[in-house]
């Protein structure tokens, strides 16, 4: 499952919050995917080459050395372009006024500005810095002063300050380009290992769609060059990145096609046992997992693990990643013992490589806690979540989004232990962190208010719970559009509340909408569809439509049997539900 996934209600006994398992290394669904420098540079160079007049381009990189390296590579890609580099080595209050003094009469092909962070140092509220506020105030005047593409190099810290303090300026950007950091740096370790890449998380859905269009155009240009002139390494990276973006948007069939194409290219160019092939198999396996094709996903991930073990040995961090991802599939298959063994192995590798207090260890402990949670070992799950929380609070700022993830998971355990006050405090703390980092309209905020709604509902505060569910739905509809699986999750939860309030017609409309969305995304035979049909079946049973409810439960049983096997607890539960319903039908027939 994708990290920070919110949780559909399954009305088999009582609804539960499902803990977050972390797919590593990952990128937030709302964000651009993990940086691929070659693809990002090609896209940036292409935009500069085509630039006519002013456009605002934001280039995310956290270290000056890395920016210098990337600028040098960009110049190599644009040998005939006049690129003007401007470095701010002291604070400035008004960027536009400064540019008026340095931009030559003959405009260059592009201007690259670095050093913006100098104007934010030692400020408690960087979004209120004069530089940031003046960006917003002067946004409409930039085209008059800068008649060419303007590239602003910015750190995560700077991008968040601009997005919060200069939202109108941020809104006129033509794109944000994300670059990784040198492996030796702490920033790079965080980039590779954290569940949140804060700069990427502020990218709105339209920006992601624009990047998809750019990548599709770049692939079309490669196709036009003919096979003999195409660079397979570049073509593979473009397919891989496009596939990841499509996966984030829920376009799984298209994503699968691009990852399969990347795999085919790399196998032909590099051979079947190359680490890049293992990376392709990991990406393809994740999409297959999302589609519910768990057997095929497992085969991909097992092959990736075999390749990486042969290349790197059994105790390498890449092997830990493979084992973790395999554990996620086993978890979805209901093989909790197998998943637990995978997460324990990933934990052992990461502890040996990084020590006991590293974010990679926190992630492995978190996933182990989620297995223990579903095995009913709430005390063991609590210990894992508390350890992960302690690691992240020490490694990161106490207000870091990773801390919000741990708070959410811990809150879920506390809720199931009956500590509703403690659970509410955890969810409210997670919400406080995420609203401060991302603003009020981010998917992580939707997750937090959704989980808070579950606790409020358990406490009997249905109006407040409804307000939470409606807020989560509003956020996700704005971010993903009306037909995304996240929206299906939201309307499912809202339907559960409406049913509890006695609004059966409203609940039915919610369940039917969720089913329609998930069938369009996953097809008619998928675990997510089984959840929707299951909930609809319970509603029909409440309405007295026993025949309709029976048809729903029979369909759920078939899906559960196919994906989870006959002995899985979910399969057993729906079988019991069906048996009880058949008894009601038999009694009704006897009375008739």
Protein backbone atom coordinates (compact mmCIF):
# COMPACT_ATOMS: atom_id res chain seq x y z
CA UNK A 1 0.00 0.00 0.00
CA UNK A 2 1.12 3.52 -0.54
CA UNK A 3 2.44 5.37 2.46
CA UNK A 4 -0.02 7.45 4.44
CA UNK A 5 -2.97 5.77 2.79
CA UNK A 6 -6.22 6.61 4.52
CA UNK A 7 -8.55 3.85 5.40
CA UNK A 8 -11.81 2.65 3.98
CA UNK A 9 -14.38 1.42 6.41
CA UNK A 10 -15.17 -2.27 6.12
CA UNK A 11 -18.35 -2.97 8.02
CA UNK A 12 -17.56 -6.55 8.88
CA UNK A 13 -17.51 -6.02 12.63
CA UNK A 14 -16.27 -2.54 13.43
CA UNK A 15 -14.21 -0.13 11.41
CA UNK A 16 -10.55 0.33 12.21
CA UNK A 17 -7.84 2.77 11.29
CA UNK A 18 -5.30 0.92 9.24
CA UNK A 19 -1.70 1.91 10.08
CA UNK A 20 0.55 3.39 7.44
CA UNK A 21 3.07 1.11 5.80
CA UNK A 22 5.92 2.89 4.09
CA UNK A 23 6.83 2.04 0.51
CA UNK A 24 10.52 2.92 0.34
CA UNK A 25 12.08 4.86 -1.14
CA UNK A 26 8.95 6.76 -1.99
CA UNK A 27 7.52 10.05 -3.08
CA UNK A 28 4.27 11.54 -1.95
CA UNK A 29 1.30 10.93 -4.24
CA UNK A 30 0.74 14.66 -4.42
CA UNK A 31 4.32 15.39 -5.33
CA UNK A 32 6.58 14.86 -8.25
CA UNK A 33 8.32 11.52 -7.98
CA UNK A 34 11.79 11.01 -6.56
CA UNK A 35 14.22 13.23 -8.46
CA UNK A 36 15.83 11.88 -11.64
CA UNK A 37 18.44 14.53 -12.41
CA UNK A 38 18.96 13.60 -16.05
CA UNK A 39 15.26 13.77 -16.86
CA UNK A 40 14.79 16.97 -14.88
CA UNK A 41 17.75 18.66 -16.59
CA UNK A 42 16.52 17.60 -20.01
CA UNK A 43 13.09 19.00 -19.24
CA UNK A 44 14.56 22.25 -17.89
CA UNK A 45 16.87 22.64 -20.90
CA UNK A 46 13.96 21.97 -23.23
CA UNK A 47 11.87 24.65 -21.54
CA UNK A 48 14.71 27.18 -21.78
CA UNK A 49 15.34 26.31 -25.42
CA UNK A 50 11.69 26.91 -26.26
CA UNK A 51 11.33 29.96 -24.04
CA UNK A 52 9.93 33.11 -25.58
CA UNK A 53 9.54 35.94 -23.14
CA UNK A 54 9.22 35.68 -19.37
CA UNK A 55 8.51 32.44 -17.58
CA UNK A 56 9.15 31.53 -13.95
CA UNK A 57 10.96 28.23 -13.36
CA UNK A 58 11.80 26.98 -9.87
CA UNK A 59 14.73 24.57 -9.52
CA UNK A 60 14.90 22.74 -6.21
CA UNK A 61 18.35 21.86 -4.87
CA UNK A 62 19.45 22.09 -1.26
CA UNK A 63 23.22 22.70 -1.57
CA UNK A 64 25.25 25.36 -3.42
CA UNK A 65 27.80 22.81 -4.62
CA UNK A 66 25.07 20.74 -6.22
CA UNK A 67 23.58 23.80 -7.92
CA UNK A 68 26.98 24.63 -9.41
CA UNK A 69 27.30 21.10 -10.78
CA UNK A 70 23.81 21.16 -12.24
CA UNK A 71 24.33 24.58 -13.83
CA UNK A 72 27.51 23.30 -15.46
CA UNK A 73 25.64 20.32 -16.90
CA UNK A 74 22.85 22.61 -18.06
CA UNK A 75 25.38 24.71 -19.97
CA UNK A 76 26.68 21.55 -21.65
CA UNK A 77 23.14 20.78 -22.80
CA UNK A 78 22.69 24.36 -24.10
CA UNK A 79 26.06 25.21 -25.71
CA UNK A 80 24.58 27.93 -27.92
CA UNK A 81 22.49 29.60 -25.24
CA UNK A 82 23.40 32.74 -23.31
CA UNK A 83 22.78 31.88 -19.64
CA UNK A 84 23.22 34.68 -17.12
CA UNK A 85 24.07 33.46 -13.60
CA UNK A 86 23.30 35.75 -10.67
CA UNK A 87 24.34 34.76 -7.15
CA UNK A 88 23.03 36.70 -4.15
CA UNK A 89 25.74 36.63 -1.50
CA UNK A 90 23.90 39.03 0.80
CA UNK A 91 20.26 39.57 1.78
CA UNK A 92 18.02 41.52 -0.59
CA UNK A 93 14.60 42.91 0.21
CA UNK A 94 13.30 43.20 -3.34
CA UNK A 95 14.43 40.73 -6.00
CA UNK A 96 12.82 42.58 -8.89
CA UNK A 97 14.53 45.86 -8.00
CA UNK A 98 17.85 44.03 -7.79
CA UNK A 99 17.32 42.42 -11.19
CA UNK A 100 16.64 45.84 -12.70
CA UNK A 101 20.24 46.77 -11.85
CA UNK A 102 21.91 43.66 -13.31
CA UNK A 103 19.88 42.48 -16.31
CA UNK A 104 21.60 43.77 -19.49
CA UNK A 105 19.78 45.65 -22.23
CA UNK A 106 20.25 42.67 -24.55
CA UNK A 107 18.34 39.99 -22.74
CA UNK A 108 20.07 36.63 -22.30
CA UNK A 109 18.36 33.37 -23.19
CA UNK A 110 17.76 32.67 -19.50
CA UNK A 111 18.66 34.03 -16.05
CA UNK A 112 19.60 31.73 -13.18
CA UNK A 113 19.41 33.19 -9.66
CA UNK A 114 20.88 31.50 -6.59
CA UNK A 115 21.44 32.56 -2.98
CA UNK A 116 17.86 33.48 -2.16
CA UNK A 117 18.20 31.76 1.21
CA UNK A 118 20.56 34.53 2.39
CA UNK A 119 17.49 36.74 2.75
CA UNK A 120 15.71 34.27 5.04
CA UNK A 121 18.39 33.42 7.56
CA UNK A 122 17.60 33.85 11.27
CA UNK A 123 13.92 34.48 10.62
CA UNK A 124 11.33 32.64 12.70
CA UNK A 125 8.70 33.11 9.99
CA UNK A 126 10.50 32.99 6.63
CA UNK A 127 7.24 33.36 4.73
CA UNK A 128 7.04 36.89 6.18
CA UNK A 129 10.51 37.91 4.97
CA UNK A 130 10.53 41.17 2.96
CA UNK A 131 11.98 39.30 -0.03
CA UNK A 132 9.08 36.85 -0.04
CA UNK A 133 6.37 39.46 0.49
CA UNK A 134 7.81 41.65 -2.26
CA UNK A 135 7.82 38.71 -4.67
CA UNK A 136 4.08 38.53 -4.21
CA UNK A 137 3.55 42.27 -4.51
CA UNK A 138 5.64 42.67 -7.68
CA UNK A 139 4.63 39.46 -9.48
CA UNK A 140 2.94 41.26 -12.39
CA UNK A 141 6.02 43.39 -13.09
CA UNK A 142 8.50 40.56 -13.63
CA UNK A 143 7.68 40.13 -17.36
CA UNK A 144 8.52 43.81 -17.90
CA UNK A 145 11.98 43.49 -16.36
CA UNK A 146 12.90 39.91 -17.25
CA UNK A 147 12.01 39.18 -20.91
CA UNK A 148 13.31 35.60 -20.76
CA UNK A 149 12.98 32.47 -18.60
CA UNK A 150 13.89 33.19 -14.95
CA UNK A 151 15.21 30.17 -13.03
CA UNK A 152 15.28 30.53 -9.26
CA UNK A 153 17.45 27.97 -7.47
CA UNK A 154 15.74 27.24 -4.16
CA UNK A 155 16.00 24.86 -1.23
CA UNK A 156 13.04 23.02 0.28
CA UNK A 157 12.98 25.73 2.95
CA UNK A 158 12.84 28.50 0.35
CA UNK A 159 10.16 26.83 -1.77
CA UNK A 160 7.86 26.37 1.19
CA UNK A 161 8.41 30.00 2.24
CA UNK A 162 7.49 31.20 -1.26
CA UNK A 163 4.46 28.93 -1.57
CA UNK A 164 3.10 30.12 1.79
CA UNK A 165 4.19 33.75 1.81
CA UNK A 166 3.98 34.60 -1.91
CA UNK A 167 1.19 32.35 -3.21
CA UNK A 168 0.32 34.61 -6.16
CA UNK A 169 3.95 34.71 -7.29
CA UNK A 170 4.20 30.95 -6.81
CA UNK A 171 1.08 30.52 -8.93
CA UNK A 172 2.63 32.12 -12.04
CA UNK A 173 5.42 29.54 -12.25
CA UNK A 174 5.67 27.45 -15.38
CA UNK A 175 7.29 24.52 -13.61
CA UNK A 176 9.23 23.19 -10.63
CA UNK A 177 12.25 20.96 -11.27
CA UNK A 178 13.49 18.68 -8.50
CA UNK A 179 17.13 17.63 -8.12
CA UNK A 180 18.72 15.19 -5.70
CA UNK A 181 21.74 15.88 -3.54
CA UNK A 182 25.22 14.26 -3.41
CA UNK A 183 25.08 10.91 -1.66
CA UNK A 184 27.68 12.05 0.87
CA UNK A 185 25.49 14.80 2.27
CA UNK A 186 22.94 14.58 5.07
CA UNK A 187 20.41 16.21 2.77
CA UNK A 188 20.85 13.39 0.28
CA UNK A 189 20.31 10.76 2.94
CA UNK A 190 17.10 12.46 3.95
CA UNK A 191 16.04 12.72 0.31
CA UNK A 192 16.55 9.01 -0.24
CA UNK A 193 15.09 7.84 3.02
CA UNK A 194 12.41 10.15 4.32
CA UNK A 195 8.74 9.60 3.63
CA UNK A 196 8.33 13.29 2.90
CA UNK A 197 10.29 15.42 0.49
CA UNK A 198 8.91 18.75 1.56
CA UNK A 199 9.70 20.64 -1.62
CA UNK A 200 7.97 18.07 -3.79
CA UNK A 201 4.93 17.98 -1.53
CA UNK A 202 3.88 21.51 -2.44
CA UNK A 203 3.50 20.69 -6.13
CA UNK A 204 -0.17 20.90 -7.16
CA UNK A 205 -1.94 18.44 -9.41
CA UNK A 206 -1.86 20.71 -12.47
CA UNK A 207 1.92 20.89 -12.25
CA UNK A 208 2.10 17.12 -12.24
CA UNK A 209 -0.16 16.99 -15.28
CA UNK A 210 2.06 19.51 -17.03
CA UNK A 211 5.11 17.36 -16.32
CA UNK A 212 3.32 14.34 -17.74
CA UNK A 213 2.63 16.28 -20.94
CA UNK A 214 6.27 17.35 -21.14
CA UNK A 215 7.53 13.79 -20.75
CA UNK A 216 5.08 12.52 -23.33
CA UNK A 217 6.33 15.17 -25.76
CA UNK A 218 9.95 14.26 -25.05
CA UNK A 219 9.24 10.60 -25.76
CA UNK A 220 7.47 11.56 -28.96
CA UNK A 221 10.53 13.56 -30.02
CA UNK A 222 12.75 10.55 -29.34
CA UNK A 223 10.46 8.33 -31.41
CA UNK A 224 10.68 10.80 -34.28
CA UNK A 225 14.48 10.51 -34.28
CA UNK A 226 14.35 6.84 -35.24
CA UNK A 227 15.56 3.83 -33.29
CA UNK A 228 19.14 4.04 -34.55
CA UNK A 229 19.63 7.50 -32.98
CA UNK A 230 17.82 6.97 -29.68
CA UNK A 231 19.78 6.69 -26.45
CA UNK A 232 18.27 3.69 -24.59
CA UNK A 233 19.35 5.05 -21.20
CA UNK A 234 17.50 8.33 -21.76
CA UNK A 235 14.46 6.58 -23.23
CA UNK A 236 14.28 4.20 -20.27
CA UNK A 237 14.50 7.04 -17.73
CA UNK A 238 11.73 8.96 -19.47
CA UNK A 239 9.43 5.93 -19.44
CA UNK A 240 10.26 5.25 -15.79
CA UNK A 241 9.59 8.80 -14.66
CA UNK A 242 6.39 9.05 -16.67
CA UNK A 243 5.22 5.77 -15.21
CA UNK A 244 5.83 7.02 -11.67
CA UNK A 245 3.91 10.22 -12.27
CA UNK A 246 1.01 8.32 -13.83
CA UNK A 247 0.97 5.99 -10.84
CA UNK A 248 0.70 8.97 -8.51
CA UNK A 249 -2.33 10.13 -10.47
CA UNK A 250 -4.04 6.74 -10.33
CA UNK A 251 -3.54 6.04 -14.06
CA UNK A 252 -2.28 2.56 -13.32
CA UNK A 253 -2.78 0.89 -16.70
CA UNK A 254 -0.73 3.57 -18.44
CA UNK A 255 1.87 3.52 -15.67
CA UNK A 256 2.25 -0.23 -16.06
CA UNK A 257 2.87 0.17 -19.79
CA UNK A 258 5.65 2.69 -19.30
CA UNK A 259 7.39 0.69 -16.57
CA UNK A 260 7.18 -2.43 -18.71
CA UNK A 261 8.73 -0.49 -21.60
CA UNK A 262 11.56 0.77 -19.35
CA UNK A 263 12.19 -2.80 -18.23
CA UNK A 264 12.30 -4.09 -21.81
CA UNK A 265 14.73 -1.36 -22.88
CA UNK A 266 17.10 -1.94 -19.95
CA UNK A 267 17.05 -5.72 -20.29
CA UNK A 268 17.97 -5.40 -23.97
CA UNK A 269 20.70 -2.82 -23.33
CA UNK A 270 22.14 -4.02 -20.01
CA UNK A 271 21.22 -7.68 -19.71
CA UNK A 272 18.74 -9.39 -17.37
CA UNK A 273 20.83 -9.19 -14.19
CA UNK A 274 21.73 -5.49 -14.05
CA UNK A 275 20.81 -3.35 -11.00
CA UNK A 276 18.85 -0.99 -13.26
CA UNK A 277 16.70 -3.96 -14.26
CA UNK A 278 16.08 -4.59 -10.56
CA UNK A 279 14.98 -0.98 -10.16
CA UNK A 280 12.59 -1.37 -13.11
CA UNK A 281 11.17 -4.54 -11.58
CA UNK A 282 10.59 -2.71 -8.30
CA UNK A 283 8.69 0.06 -10.08
CA UNK A 284 6.64 -2.39 -12.12
CA UNK A 285 5.94 -4.47 -9.03
CA UNK A 286 4.54 -1.47 -7.18
CA UNK A 287 2.11 -0.70 -10.00
CA UNK A 288 1.02 -4.35 -10.19
CA UNK A 289 0.48 -4.26 -6.43
CA UNK A 290 -1.68 -1.16 -6.78
CA UNK A 291 -3.69 -2.92 -9.49
CA UNK A 292 -4.25 -5.85 -7.16
CA UNK A 293 -2.22 -8.29 -9.24
CA UNK A 294 -0.32 -9.45 -6.17
CA UNK A 295 1.08 -12.66 -7.67
CA UNK A 296 2.69 -10.76 -10.56
CA UNK A 297 3.90 -8.05 -8.18
CA UNK A 298 5.47 -10.66 -5.94
CA UNK A 299 7.26 -12.26 -8.91
CA UNK A 300 8.71 -8.88 -9.95
CA UNK A 301 9.90 -8.03 -6.46
CA UNK A 302 11.39 -11.47 -5.84
CA UNK A 303 13.36 -11.17 -9.07
CA UNK A 304 14.54 -7.67 -8.11
CA UNK A 305 15.68 -9.03 -4.75
CA UNK A 306 17.55 -11.88 -6.43
CA UNK A 307 19.40 -9.45 -8.73
CA UNK A 308 20.37 -7.03 -5.96
CA UNK A 309 21.52 -9.80 -3.63
CA UNK A 310 23.80 -11.12 -6.40
CA UNK A 311 25.19 -7.64 -7.15
CA UNK A 312 25.45 -6.08 -3.69
CA UNK A 313 25.34 -9.00 -1.26
CA UNK A 314 22.64 -9.91 1.24
CA UNK A 315 23.22 -7.06 3.67
CA UNK A 316 23.08 -3.97 1.44
CA UNK A 317 20.54 -1.12 1.87
CA UNK A 318 19.18 -1.79 -1.63
CA UNK A 319 18.40 -5.32 -0.52
CA UNK A 320 16.60 -3.85 2.49
CA UNK A 321 14.48 -1.81 0.07
CA UNK A 322 13.65 -4.90 -1.98
CA UNK A 323 12.79 -6.94 1.09
CA UNK A 324 10.60 -4.13 2.41
CA UNK A 325 8.68 -3.86 -0.85
CA UNK A 326 8.21 -7.62 -0.97
CA UNK A 327 6.91 -7.44 2.58
CA UNK A 328 4.27 -4.93 1.49
CA UNK A 329 2.93 -7.38 -1.10
CA UNK A 330 2.93 -10.27 1.37
CA UNK A 331 1.08 -8.01 3.80
CA UNK A 332 -1.60 -7.33 1.18
CA UNK A 333 -1.83 -11.06 0.45
CA UNK A 334 -2.56 -11.69 4.11
CA UNK A 335 0.75 -13.47 4.70
CA UNK A 336 1.51 -11.56 7.89
CA UNK A 337 4.19 -14.01 8.98
CA UNK A 338 6.01 -13.58 5.66
CA UNK A 339 5.61 -9.80 5.80
CA UNK A 340 6.92 -9.74 9.35
CA UNK A 341 10.00 -11.75 8.33
CA UNK A 342 10.68 -9.27 5.50
CA UNK A 343 10.34 -6.20 7.71
CA UNK A 344 12.50 -7.78 10.42
CA UNK A 345 15.19 -8.50 7.83
CA UNK A 346 15.00 -4.93 6.49
CA UNK A 347 15.28 -3.66 10.06
CA UNK A 348 18.32 -5.84 10.76
CA UNK A 349 20.11 -4.63 7.60
CA UNK A 350 19.35 -0.96 8.27
CA UNK A 351 20.42 -1.17 11.91
CA UNK A 352 23.72 -2.74 10.85
CA UNK A 353 24.34 -0.14 8.12
CA UNK A 354 23.04 3.04 9.78
CA UNK A 355 22.90 2.32 13.50
CA UNK A 356 19.81 2.09 15.74
CA UNK A 357 18.64 5.70 15.46
CA UNK A 358 18.46 6.36 11.72
CA UNK A 359 15.32 7.31 9.75
CA UNK A 360 15.68 4.10 7.70
CA UNK A 361 15.43 2.16 10.95
CA UNK A 362 12.35 4.17 11.94
CA UNK A 363 10.70 3.21 8.68
CA UNK A 364 11.41 -0.50 9.12
CA UNK A 365 10.22 -0.39 12.75
CA UNK A 366 7.07 1.42 11.60
CA UNK A 367 6.26 -1.31 9.07
CA UNK A 368 6.92 -4.04 11.61
CA UNK A 369 4.54 -2.26 13.95
CA UNK A 370 1.84 -2.32 11.28
CA UNK A 371 2.14 -6.10 10.95
CA UNK A 372 1.95 -6.53 14.72
CA UNK A 373 -1.11 -4.28 14.72
CA UNK A 374 -2.92 -6.56 12.30
CA UNK A 375 -1.79 -9.64 14.20
CA UNK A 376 -3.57 -8.21 17.21
CA UNK A 377 -0.37 -7.47 19.14
CA UNK A 378 -1.31 -3.91 20.09
CA UNK A 379 1.36 -3.61 22.77
CA UNK A 380 4.05 -4.70 20.31
CA UNK A 381 2.70 -2.30 17.69
CA UNK A 382 2.68 0.52 20.23
CA UNK A 383 6.32 -0.18 21.13
CA UNK A 384 7.32 -0.09 17.45
CA UNK A 385 5.43 3.11 16.72
CA UNK A 386 6.82 4.80 19.82
CA UNK A 387 10.37 3.81 18.84
CA UNK A 388 9.87 5.12 15.29
CA UNK A 389 8.45 8.35 16.70
CA UNK A 390 11.40 8.78 19.07
CA UNK A 391 13.91 8.25 16.25
CA UNK A 392 12.21 10.75 13.96
CA UNK A 393 11.80 13.35 16.69
CA UNK A 394 15.54 13.11 17.40
CA UNK A 395 16.64 12.96 13.75
CA UNK A 396 14.30 15.67 12.48
CA UNK A 397 12.62 18.78 13.74
CA UNK A 398 9.83 17.83 16.20
CA UNK A 399 7.46 19.47 13.73
CA UNK A 400 8.67 17.38 10.78
CA UNK A 401 6.02 15.59 8.67
CA UNK A 402 7.63 12.23 9.51
CA UNK A 403 6.60 12.86 13.10
CA UNK A 404 3.03 13.39 11.89
CA UNK A 405 3.10 9.96 10.24
CA UNK A 406 4.19 8.30 13.47
CA UNK A 407 1.58 10.23 15.43
CA UNK A 408 -1.11 8.97 13.06
CA UNK A 409 -0.05 5.36 13.48
CA UNK A 410 0.23 5.64 17.25
CA UNK A 411 -3.19 7.26 17.34
CA UNK A 412 -4.65 4.31 15.48
CA UNK A 413 -3.37 1.86 18.10
CA UNK A 414 -4.58 4.03 20.96
CA UNK A 415 -8.02 4.18 19.37
CA UNK A 416 -8.21 0.40 19.16
CA UNK A 417 -7.07 0.15 22.78
CA UNK A 418 -10.01 2.36 23.75
CA UNK A 419 -7.89 5.40 24.58
CA UNK A 420 -9.93 7.82 22.51
CA UNK A 421 -8.54 10.88 24.27
CA UNK A 422 -4.97 9.76 23.56
CA UNK A 423 -5.83 8.92 19.95
CA UNK A 424 -7.46 12.29 19.46
CA UNK A 425 -4.39 14.05 20.86
CA UNK A 426 -2.16 12.15 18.40
CA UNK A 427 -4.33 12.96 15.40
CA UNK A 428 -4.67 16.61 16.39
CA UNK A 429 -0.88 16.85 16.78
CA UNK A 430 -0.39 15.29 13.33
CA UNK A 431 -2.88 17.76 11.89
CA UNK A 432 -1.11 20.68 13.56
CA UNK A 433 2.24 19.64 12.05
CA UNK A 434 0.93 19.04 8.54
CA UNK A 435 -1.12 22.24 8.40
CA UNK A 436 1.96 24.22 9.46
CA UNK A 437 4.16 22.55 6.84
CA UNK A 438 1.79 22.21 3.89
CA UNK A 439 -1.08 24.57 4.50
CA UNK A 440 -4.76 23.66 4.99
CA UNK A 441 -5.43 22.04 1.61
CA UNK A 442 -2.84 19.27 1.28
CA UNK A 443 -3.61 15.51 1.04
CA UNK A 444 -1.65 14.85 4.24
CA UNK A 445 -4.03 17.24 5.98
CA UNK A 446 -6.93 15.31 4.45
CA UNK A 447 -5.51 12.12 5.96
CA UNK A 448 -5.22 13.76 9.36
CA UNK A 449 -8.75 15.15 9.47
CA UNK A 450 -10.06 11.81 8.17
CA UNK A 451 -8.43 9.97 11.07
CA UNK A 452 -9.57 12.62 13.52
CA UNK A 453 -13.08 12.09 12.17
CA UNK A 454 -12.86 8.38 13.03
CA UNK A 455 -12.10 9.19 16.67
CA UNK A 456 -14.83 11.84 16.87
CA UNK A 457 -17.27 9.33 15.44
CA UNK A 458 -16.21 6.73 18.01
CA UNK A 459 -16.85 9.34 20.73
CA UNK A 460 -20.34 9.91 19.35
CA UNK A 461 -19.67 13.40 17.99
CA UNK A 462 -21.19 12.70 14.58
CA UNK A 463 -21.56 16.35 13.42
CA UNK A 464 -17.86 17.05 14.02
CA UNK A 465 -16.89 13.74 12.43
CA UNK A 466 -18.99 14.58 9.38
CA UNK A 467 -17.28 17.96 9.08
CA UNK A 468 -13.90 16.17 9.11
CA UNK A 469 -14.92 13.70 6.40
CA UNK A 470 -16.37 16.46 4.25
CA UNK A 471 -13.18 18.49 4.60
CA UNK A 472 -11.05 15.50 3.61
CA UNK A 473 -13.27 14.92 0.59
CA UNK A 474 -13.11 18.57 -0.47
CA UNK A 475 -9.30 18.58 -0.28
CA UNK A 476 -8.87 15.36 -2.24
CA UNK A 477 -11.36 16.35 -4.93
CA UNK A 478 -9.44 19.61 -5.43
CA UNK A 479 -6.08 17.83 -5.53
CA UNK A 480 -6.87 14.66 -7.48
CA UNK A 481 -10.13 15.39 -9.27
CA UNK A 482 -13.49 13.68 -8.64
CA UNK A 483 -12.54 10.21 -9.88
CA UNK A 484 -9.45 9.25 -7.88
CA UNK A 485 -9.18 6.33 -5.42
CA UNK A 486 -8.47 8.76 -2.58
CA UNK A 487 -11.85 10.35 -3.27
CA UNK A 488 -13.40 6.87 -3.18
CA UNK A 489 -11.90 6.41 0.29
CA UNK A 490 -13.39 9.70 1.45
CA UNK A 491 -16.91 9.07 0.16
CA UNK A 492 -16.79 5.55 1.64
CA UNK A 493 -16.06 6.98 5.07
CA UNK A 494 -18.69 9.66 4.64
CA UNK A 495 -21.18 6.99 3.60
CA UNK A 496 -20.46 5.03 6.77
CA UNK A 497 -21.24 8.10 8.88
CA UNK A 498 -24.42 8.89 6.95
CA UNK A 499 -25.59 5.32 7.47
CA UNK A 500 -24.93 5.68 11.19
CA UNK A 501 -27.02 8.87 11.17
CA UNK A 502 -29.85 7.01 9.45
CA UNK A 503 -29.43 8.74 6.08
CA UNK A 504 -29.55 5.50 4.08
CA UNK A 505 -30.16 7.20 0.74
CA UNK A 506 -27.14 9.46 1.22
CA UNK A 507 -25.02 6.54 2.35
CA UNK A 508 -26.02 4.47 -0.67
CA UNK A 509 -25.10 7.32 -3.03
CA UNK A 510 -21.66 7.51 -1.39
CA UNK A 511 -21.04 3.77 -1.61
CA UNK A 512 -22.16 3.63 -5.23
CA UNK A 513 -19.89 6.54 -6.11
CA UNK A 514 -16.93 4.89 -4.41
CA UNK A 515 -17.63 1.66 -6.28
CA UNK A 516 -17.87 3.46 -9.62
CA UNK A 517 -14.52 5.19 -9.04
CA UNK A 518 -12.67 2.07 -7.96
CA UNK A 519 -14.07 -0.07 -10.76
CA UNK A 520 -12.91 2.54 -13.28
CA UNK A 521 -9.42 2.64 -11.78
CA UNK A 522 -8.83 -1.00 -10.80
CA UNK A 523 -11.34 -2.99 -12.82
CA UNK A 524 -14.24 -5.04 -11.46
CA UNK A 525 -12.13 -7.63 -9.61
CA UNK A 526 -9.91 -5.87 -7.06
CA UNK A 527 -9.66 -5.75 -3.23
CA UNK A 528 -10.65 -2.07 -3.18
CA UNK A 529 -13.76 -2.93 -5.17
CA UNK A 530 -14.50 -5.71 -2.68
CA UNK A 531 -14.49 -3.12 0.13
CA UNK A 532 -16.97 -0.95 -1.76
CA UNK A 533 -19.27 -3.85 -2.63
CA UNK A 534 -19.06 -5.12 0.94
CA UNK A 535 -20.20 -1.78 2.35
CA UNK A 536 -22.96 -1.51 -0.22
CA UNK A 537 -24.10 -5.01 0.72
CA UNK A 538 -24.46 -4.06 4.37
CA UNK A 539 -26.49 -1.01 3.39
CA UNK A 540 -28.82 -3.07 1.20
CA UNK A 541 -29.25 -5.49 4.08
CA UNK A 542 -30.23 -2.60 6.36
CA UNK A 543 -32.74 -1.42 3.75
CA UNK A 544 -34.25 -4.91 3.64
CA UNK A 545 -32.96 -5.78 0.17
CA UNK A 546 -31.63 -9.19 1.21
CA UNK A 547 -31.30 -10.48 -2.35
CA UNK A 548 -29.23 -7.47 -3.36
CA UNK A 549 -27.10 -7.82 -0.26
CA UNK A 550 -26.53 -11.52 -1.01
CA UNK A 551 -25.34 -10.70 -4.53
CA UNK A 552 -22.88 -8.19 -3.06
CA UNK A 553 -21.50 -10.59 -0.45
CA UNK A 554 -21.12 -13.36 -3.03
CA UNK A 555 -19.12 -11.01 -5.21
CA UNK A 556 -16.96 -9.95 -2.26
CA UNK A 557 -16.33 -13.57 -1.33
CA UNK A 558 -15.17 -14.38 -4.87
CA UNK A 559 -12.72 -11.47 -4.88
CA UNK A 560 -11.42 -12.24 -1.40
CA UNK A 561 -10.95 -15.90 -2.28
CA UNK A 562 -9.01 -15.02 -5.41
CA UNK A 563 -6.70 -12.44 -3.86
CA UNK A 564 -6.36 -13.58 -0.26
CA UNK A 565 -7.14 -17.28 -0.28
CA UNK A 566 -9.76 -19.27 1.55
CA UNK A 567 -8.28 -19.06 5.05
CA UNK A 568 -7.60 -15.32 5.27
CA UNK A 569 -9.52 -13.58 8.08
CA UNK A 570 -11.26 -11.25 5.63
CA UNK A 571 -12.40 -14.19 3.53
CA UNK A 572 -13.62 -15.98 6.63
CA UNK A 573 -15.52 -12.93 7.82
CA UNK A 574 -17.37 -12.33 4.56
CA UNK A 575 -18.22 -16.05 4.40
CA UNK A 576 -19.78 -15.79 7.86
CA UNK A 577 -21.64 -12.65 6.78
CA UNK A 578 -23.01 -14.52 3.78
CA UNK A 579 -24.01 -17.52 5.91
CA UNK A 580 -25.89 -15.23 8.28
CA UNK A 581 -27.64 -13.55 5.38
CA UNK A 582 -28.64 -16.90 3.86
CA UNK A 583 -30.14 -17.85 7.24
CA UNK A 584 -32.23 -14.67 7.20
CA UNK A 585 -33.40 -15.45 3.67
CA UNK A 586 -34.31 -19.00 4.67
CA UNK A 587 -36.26 -17.75 7.68
CA UNK A 588 -38.04 -15.20 5.51
CA UNK A 589 -39.03 -17.92 3.04
CA UNK A 590 -40.34 -20.11 5.87
CA UNK A 591 -42.46 -17.25 7.20
CA UNK A 592 -43.75 -16.49 3.72
